Each structure stands twice: as structure tokens, then as C-alpha cells.
Amino acid sequence: MVEHKAINGLDLSIVRVESPRVCYVLLPGGLMNDGAGFLEEAAFRYQASMVVVSGMNWNDDLTPWPADPVFKREKSFGGKAVGFLKILEDDIMPETERFLGLTHPVPQQEQCPVERYLVGVSLSGLFALWSAHRSDLFAGIASISGSFWYPQFEDWVLTHDLSNAVRKVFISLGDREKDTRNRAMASVEVNTVSIVSHLRTAAADVDYRLEEGTTHFSPIIPRLDAALDSLLGSADSR
């Protein structure tokens, strides 16, 4: 059963299972309107509570620093990811995990009884990888069609260390995403390959998939399922 909560102005759709594993999925509002059945099935198949978070300011809360818009007549990117990550760590995760009957450790604890995963698409995929460098609270992250075209992001990843807490990184990209007239966004595949190579050189366990015939994060459910399978594995395989 999907349960709904509102925390700090954000909308949460939660499927709980008896497990210390919690997967937080950052999605645009409405993207999973037809995915309630998938969330329930995935939670029990992967033995992890699923928490879909929406309602954030997409262009501001998920970007690590301000940047100009990539299309005319669009708003600039606000670069407020630091504040949004703090909301996740200080408000969303503690209250959600109390709701799930789990305890929330302080970030400095070495042994964490809750095993957390963070999954994002597009700009939230960018945010997920950025967070994996800034937070020690995630065991794994997934970026589906992450916006790695974002100005200076590739350079930033190449000069910062992934958290030691992160055991697995899943990155996927549609093979048609680079085929755009927008010069900035056309760099996404080259930048993604560079980032994957760097992470692997740094000894990270990275599962990278270039998906044939796929545009920007569509269709979402099979791509989300591939990410969950890579991070969590099926219950039968453990």
C-alpha cells in the first residue's frame, strides 16, 4: 500500500517493508502517477522501503551552483542543492525513518543501522551523484539520464572524492540524448563517459549503461527498475 506524507513542503509517497533498507527516489511531480503498482511490487521484490519525494523546486533545489538557463525565456538555475541536501538529511530522512519504525543515526556514527539509497533522474540524477560526494549517509546512488551537461559539473566531479560510504553507483543514459541542437546539453554523453571513467579509476563500483533507442529518462519505469535492480538486487538473488 502506498502511504502519503507531507514533510517540509515536500510530498512523499511511501511503500514500507520490514527492512533496514530505504530507497529515496527524487522525481518531478506527476511522473509516477501511474507507478503506484510498480512501487509496491519493487519494494517487496527488492526488500527495501520505497520513498518517492516530489514537490521540490526542480531548477533551484537540485543544482549545486547557479547557472544561466540553457533555453531562452527559461529561468536561471538557482544552485540551492546544499540547502536541499540539508533538508533531506535533517528533516526528510529522520521523519520518514521514524515513520517506518527505523532509527536515524547522527551522521558521525560509523555503524549505520539504516541502509539508504538515493535515486534521481535528470537534474535529480545530477543531485544524486553530487550528494554522493557531499554526504556519508548513502550506501548507493543511481543517476538516470543525469544532467551531466551542467556547467562545470564534470570538472567538479573529477576534482572531488566520492564518499567512502558509497558502495555502488548506477548511471544510465539514453543513446539519443546527445542528439540535440542545444550545444550545452549535447555534451551529456561525453561528460557522462568521462565521469564514469574517473569514478572507476578511483575504484568505485560503477554500473554504467548506455540504453539504445532511449531519449531523456523515458520510459521511466523500466529505467527505474534497472537502477533498483543494480543497487539492490532481487531478494531471490541475495
Protein backbone atom coordinates (compact mmCIF):
# COMPACT_ATOMS: atom_id res chain seq x y z
CA MET A 1 0.00 0.00 0.00
CA VAL A 2 1.27 3.46 -0.88
CA GLU A 3 1.11 5.87 2.06
CA HIS A 4 1.37 9.63 1.65
CA LYS A 5 3.05 12.20 3.86
CA ALA A 6 3.96 15.88 3.58
CA ILE A 7 7.23 16.94 5.22
CA ASN A 8 8.70 20.42 5.00
CA GLY A 9 6.54 21.28 1.99
CA LEU A 10 7.55 18.14 0.06
CA ASP A 11 5.25 15.30 -1.00
CA LEU A 12 6.26 11.76 -0.07
CA SER A 13 4.79 8.52 -1.44
CA ILE A 14 5.95 5.64 0.76
CA VAL A 15 5.78 1.87 0.48
CA ARG A 16 7.07 0.24 3.63
CA VAL A 17 8.53 -3.22 4.13
CA GLU A 18 10.20 -4.80 7.15
CA SER A 19 13.75 -3.99 6.15
CA PRO A 20 16.54 -1.61 7.23
CA ARG A 21 16.97 -0.61 3.57
CA VAL A 22 15.31 2.61 2.39
CA CYS A 23 15.45 3.91 -1.18
CA TYR A 24 14.73 7.61 -1.68
CA VAL A 25 13.67 8.48 -5.25
CA LEU A 26 13.60 12.15 -6.29
CA LEU A 27 11.06 12.65 -9.07
CA PRO A 28 9.20 15.53 -10.72
CA GLY A 29 5.61 15.81 -9.57
CA GLY A 30 3.29 13.59 -11.62
CA LEU A 31 5.98 11.45 -13.22
CA MET A 32 4.95 8.41 -11.18
CA ASN A 33 1.18 8.96 -11.30
CA ASP A 34 0.74 5.55 -12.91
CA GLY A 35 3.53 3.90 -10.97
CA ALA A 36 1.92 3.07 -7.61
CA GLY A 37 1.68 -0.60 -8.52
CA PHE A 38 5.32 -0.65 -9.56
CA LEU A 39 6.43 0.96 -6.29
CA GLU A 40 4.64 -1.69 -4.24
CA GLU A 41 5.99 -4.54 -6.32
CA ALA A 42 9.52 -3.13 -6.29
CA ALA A 43 9.54 -2.61 -2.52
CA PHE A 44 8.73 -6.25 -1.85
CA ARG A 45 10.89 -7.64 -4.66
CA TYR A 46 13.96 -5.69 -3.55
CA GLN A 47 13.13 -5.76 0.17
CA ALA A 48 13.56 -2.04 0.63
CA SER A 49 11.08 0.62 1.64
CA MET A 50 10.48 2.97 -1.30
CA VAL A 51 10.11 6.71 -0.71
CA VAL A 52 9.31 8.91 -3.72
CA VAL A 53 9.99 12.58 -2.96
CA SER A 54 8.48 15.31 -5.13
CA GLY A 55 7.47 18.94 -4.81
CA MET A 56 10.96 20.43 -4.76
CA ASN A 57 11.88 23.40 -6.92
CA TRP A 58 13.44 21.41 -9.74
CA ASN A 59 15.80 24.02 -11.20
CA ASP A 60 16.86 25.52 -7.87
CA ASP A 61 16.92 22.79 -5.21
CA LEU A 62 18.75 20.19 -7.29
CA THR A 63 21.55 22.29 -8.76
CA PRO A 64 24.87 22.69 -6.90
CA TRP A 65 25.64 26.26 -8.01
CA PRO A 66 23.84 28.95 -10.03
CA ALA A 67 23.92 28.79 -13.83
CA ASP A 68 22.32 30.53 -16.77
CA PRO A 69 19.31 28.86 -18.47
CA VAL A 70 20.00 26.59 -21.44
CA PHE A 71 16.88 27.72 -23.31
CA LYS A 72 15.59 31.22 -23.99
CA ARG A 73 12.76 32.51 -21.80
CA GLU A 74 13.54 29.91 -19.10
CA LYS A 75 14.55 30.76 -15.54
CA SER A 76 18.15 30.51 -14.41
CA PHE A 77 19.26 27.64 -12.20
CA GLY A 78 19.30 28.65 -8.55
CA GLY A 79 22.11 26.44 -7.22
CA LYS A 80 20.47 25.61 -3.87
CA ALA A 81 21.46 21.94 -3.60
CA VAL A 82 23.37 22.48 -0.35
CA GLY A 83 20.19 23.63 1.36
CA PHE A 84 18.09 20.86 -0.14
CA LEU A 85 20.57 18.16 0.93
CA LYS A 86 20.39 19.57 4.46
CA ILE A 87 16.59 19.29 4.36
CA LEU A 88 16.90 15.66 3.26
CA GLU A 89 19.41 14.83 5.98
CA ASP A 90 17.87 16.83 8.84
CA ASP A 91 14.13 16.61 8.11
CA ILE A 92 13.02 14.20 5.40
CA MET A 93 15.13 11.15 6.28
CA PRO A 94 14.75 11.33 10.10
CA GLU A 95 10.98 11.81 10.00
CA THR A 96 10.48 9.22 7.27
CA GLU A 97 12.58 6.65 9.10
CA ARG A 98 10.71 7.27 12.34
CA PHE A 99 7.51 6.73 10.35
CA LEU A 100 8.98 3.45 9.08
CA GLY A 101 9.96 2.39 12.60
CA LEU A 102 13.69 2.79 11.97
CA THR A 103 16.19 4.80 13.95
CA HIS A 104 18.09 7.74 12.49
CA PRO A 105 21.77 7.88 13.49
CA VAL A 106 23.81 11.02 13.68
CA PRO A 107 25.97 11.43 10.54
CA GLN A 108 29.19 10.86 12.50
CA GLN A 109 28.25 7.32 13.54
CA GLU A 110 30.41 4.67 11.92
CA GLN A 111 27.82 1.89 12.05
CA CYS A 112 24.57 2.94 10.42
CA PRO A 113 21.57 0.68 11.12
CA VAL A 114 19.67 2.15 8.16
CA GLU A 115 20.97 1.38 4.66
CA ARG A 116 19.99 4.28 2.41
CA TYR A 117 19.96 4.65 -1.35
CA LEU A 118 19.30 7.77 -3.42
CA VAL A 119 17.91 7.64 -6.97
CA GLY A 120 17.39 10.60 -9.29
CA VAL A 121 16.52 11.37 -12.89
CA SER A 122 17.66 14.31 -14.98
CA LEU A 123 18.59 17.15 -12.59
CA SER A 124 17.86 14.95 -9.57
CA GLY A 125 20.27 12.41 -11.09
CA LEU A 126 22.89 15.17 -11.09
CA PHE A 127 21.95 15.91 -7.48
CA ALA A 128 22.29 12.23 -6.51
CA LEU A 129 25.86 11.99 -7.78
CA TRP A 130 26.75 15.37 -6.24
CA SER A 131 25.28 14.19 -2.91
CA ALA A 132 27.40 11.03 -3.07
CA HIS A 133 30.41 13.34 -2.79
CA ARG A 134 28.93 15.53 -0.04
CA SER A 135 27.13 13.10 2.28
CA ASP A 136 28.11 9.93 4.15
CA LEU A 137 24.53 8.71 4.53
CA PHE A 138 24.08 6.78 1.28
CA ALA A 139 25.25 3.23 0.56
CA GLY A 140 24.48 3.65 -3.12
CA ILE A 141 23.13 6.13 -5.64
CA ALA A 142 21.59 5.95 -9.10
CA SER A 143 21.54 8.64 -11.77
CA ILE A 144 19.13 8.07 -14.65
CA SER A 145 19.80 10.49 -17.51
CA GLY A 146 21.67 12.71 -15.07
CA SER A 147 22.16 16.27 -16.30
CA PHE A 148 25.94 15.94 -16.50
CA TRP A 149 25.96 18.69 -19.14
CA TYR A 150 25.51 21.13 -16.24
CA PRO A 151 28.21 23.86 -16.35
CA GLN A 152 31.43 22.88 -14.51
CA PHE A 153 29.89 19.67 -13.13
CA GLU A 154 32.24 17.29 -14.92
CA ASP A 155 35.25 19.27 -13.70
CA TRP A 156 33.86 19.32 -10.17
CA VAL A 157 33.42 15.52 -10.06
CA LEU A 158 36.92 15.00 -11.42
CA THR A 159 38.40 17.04 -8.57
CA HIS A 160 36.33 15.74 -5.63
CA ASP A 161 36.22 12.40 -3.82
CA LEU A 162 33.24 10.11 -3.59
CA SER A 163 32.13 9.38 -0.02
CA ASN A 164 33.64 6.20 1.42
CA ALA A 165 30.13 5.19 2.48
CA VAL A 166 29.03 4.77 -1.15
CA ARG A 167 29.44 1.15 -2.22
CA LYS A 168 27.64 1.24 -5.58
CA VAL A 169 26.92 3.80 -8.29
CA PHE A 170 24.47 3.18 -11.14
CA ILE A 171 24.48 5.57 -14.11
CA SER A 172 22.34 5.23 -17.23
CA LEU A 173 21.91 7.42 -20.28
CA GLY A 174 19.78 7.21 -23.39
CA ASP A 175 21.81 6.91 -26.58
CA ARG A 176 19.68 9.61 -28.23
CA GLU A 177 20.17 12.23 -25.54
CA LYS A 178 23.23 13.76 -27.19
CA ASP A 179 21.24 14.33 -30.40
CA THR A 180 20.03 17.82 -29.58
CA ARG A 181 20.64 21.21 -31.14
CA ASN A 182 21.38 22.67 -27.75
CA ARG A 183 25.16 22.84 -27.57
CA ALA A 184 25.36 22.62 -23.78
CA MET A 185 23.06 19.61 -23.46
CA ALA A 186 24.70 17.83 -26.42
CA SER A 187 27.78 17.31 -24.23
CA VAL A 188 25.92 14.97 -21.88
CA GLU A 189 27.25 11.68 -23.26
CA VAL A 190 30.88 12.79 -23.49
CA ASN A 191 30.71 14.20 -19.96
CA THR A 192 28.98 11.08 -18.62
CA VAL A 193 31.62 8.76 -20.09
CA SER A 194 34.35 10.97 -18.60
CA ILE A 195 32.71 10.89 -15.17
CA VAL A 196 32.21 7.11 -15.27
CA SER A 197 35.86 6.58 -16.26
CA HIS A 198 37.02 8.82 -13.42
CA LEU A 199 34.86 7.06 -10.83
CA ARG A 200 36.13 3.67 -11.95
CA THR A 201 39.73 4.89 -11.79
CA ALA A 202 39.00 5.95 -8.22
CA ALA A 203 37.97 2.32 -7.52
CA ALA A 204 34.23 2.98 -7.32
CA ASP A 205 31.86 0.14 -8.24
CA VAL A 206 30.07 1.76 -11.20
CA ASP A 207 27.39 0.14 -13.35
CA TYR A 208 27.09 2.29 -16.49
CA ARG A 209 24.52 1.60 -19.21
CA LEU A 210 24.01 3.42 -22.49
CA GLU A 211 20.47 2.42 -23.38
CA GLU A 212 19.60 2.01 -27.04
CA GLY A 213 16.71 3.92 -28.58
CA THR A 214 16.12 5.93 -25.43
CA THR A 215 15.57 9.65 -25.05
CA HIS A 216 15.75 11.72 -21.87
CA PHE A 217 14.76 9.35 -18.99
CA SER A 218 11.83 7.93 -20.98
CA PRO A 219 10.24 5.45 -20.41
CA ILE A 220 10.81 5.95 -16.70
CA ILE A 221 9.57 2.73 -15.06
CA PRO A 222 11.83 0.19 -16.85
CA ARG A 223 14.80 2.51 -16.38
CA LEU A 224 13.96 2.98 -12.71
CA ASP A 225 13.64 -0.78 -12.31
CA ALA A 226 17.07 -1.31 -13.89
CA ALA A 227 18.56 1.16 -11.40
CA LEU A 228 16.91 -0.53 -8.43
CA ASP A 229 17.99 -3.97 -9.61
CA SER A 230 21.59 -2.80 -9.93
CA LEU A 231 21.64 -1.13 -6.50
CA LEU A 232 19.52 -3.54 -4.52
CA GLY A 233 19.34 -6.83 -6.43
CA SER A 234 16.29 -9.05 -6.18
CA ALA A 235 15.52 -10.69 -2.88
CA ASP A 236 15.90 -14.08 -4.56
CA SER A 237 19.49 -13.32 -5.61
CA ARG A 238 20.72 -12.36 -2.14
